[in-house]
Amino acid sequence: MSTTAQAPTISPLLTVQDVAEILQVSRATVYGLIQAGKLEPVKLGLRKTRFRRADILRFIGEDDVQ
């Protein structure tokens, strides 16, 4: 019998468009929130900006962030 280790569950990163839809704002507003230091992006190269789901939930005040 072989035991198989399960990989940890990793929530996917959100795109700028995903965050704009969640917050019901424009993409420009999301970039403005980054510039204002209110949202912390994960930079993947020069042109790819992503966000951790937990950071967005914390920003909007969800209590059940894990």
Protein backbone atom coordinates (compact mmCIF):
# COMPACT_ATOMS: atom_id res chain seq x y z
CA MET A 1 0.00 0.00 0.00
CA SER A 2 1.34 3.36 -0.90
CA THR A 3 0.31 6.51 0.85
CA THR A 4 -0.29 9.53 -1.26
CA ALA A 5 0.29 12.91 0.25
CA GLN A 6 -2.34 15.44 -0.71
CA ALA A 7 -1.13 18.79 -1.91
CA PRO A 8 -2.23 21.72 0.22
CA THR A 9 -5.24 23.60 -1.07
CA ILE A 10 -4.14 26.85 -2.63
CA SER A 11 -6.79 29.38 -3.44
CA PRO A 12 -6.29 30.88 -6.86
CA LEU A 13 -5.07 34.40 -7.22
CA LEU A 14 -7.58 36.96 -8.43
CA THR A 15 -7.07 39.21 -11.45
CA VAL A 16 -7.69 42.96 -11.50
CA GLN A 17 -10.94 42.25 -13.36
CA ASP A 18 -11.99 39.70 -10.70
CA VAL A 19 -11.38 42.24 -7.94
CA ALA A 20 -13.22 44.97 -9.86
CA GLU A 21 -16.24 42.69 -10.18
CA ILE A 22 -16.14 41.67 -6.51
CA LEU A 23 -15.91 45.30 -5.37
CA GLN A 24 -18.31 46.47 -8.10
CA VAL A 25 -15.90 49.15 -9.28
CA SER A 26 -13.90 49.80 -12.45
CA ARG A 27 -10.46 48.39 -13.15
CA ALA A 28 -9.13 51.97 -12.91
CA THR A 29 -10.49 52.18 -9.36
CA VAL A 30 -8.69 48.94 -8.45
CA TYR A 31 -5.43 50.41 -9.76
CA GLY A 32 -6.17 53.58 -7.77
CA LEU A 33 -6.61 51.49 -4.61
CA ILE A 34 -3.21 49.93 -5.28
CA GLN A 35 -1.62 53.37 -5.73
CA ALA A 36 -3.26 54.57 -2.50
CA GLY A 37 -1.78 51.59 -0.64
CA LYS A 38 -5.19 50.14 0.22
CA LEU A 39 -4.78 46.94 -1.79
CA GLU A 40 -1.61 44.86 -1.87
CA PRO A 41 -1.05 43.18 -5.22
CA VAL A 42 1.05 40.14 -6.02
CA LYS A 43 3.23 41.09 -8.97
CA LEU A 44 3.93 38.31 -11.45
CA GLY A 45 6.35 39.83 -13.89
CA LEU A 46 6.04 43.32 -15.32
CA ARG A 47 2.44 43.24 -16.49
CA LYS A 48 0.64 40.67 -14.36
CA THR A 49 -1.03 41.89 -11.21
CA ARG A 50 -2.91 39.44 -9.01
CA PHE A 51 -4.46 39.51 -5.55
CA ARG A 52 -4.83 37.00 -2.76
CA ARG A 53 -8.47 36.22 -2.06
CA ALA A 54 -7.92 36.62 1.71
CA ASP A 55 -6.55 40.15 1.20
CA ILE A 56 -9.64 41.19 -0.75
CA LEU A 57 -11.98 39.66 1.83
CA ARG A 58 -10.09 41.48 4.57
CA PHE A 59 -10.37 44.74 2.60
CA ILE A 60 -14.14 44.45 2.35
CA GLY A 61 -14.42 43.45 5.99
CA GLU A 62 -15.46 39.82 5.77
CA ASP A 63 -15.24 38.25 9.21
CA ASP A 64 -14.61 34.71 8.07
CA VAL A 65 -11.21 35.22 6.44
CA GLN A 66 -8.94 32.24 7.05
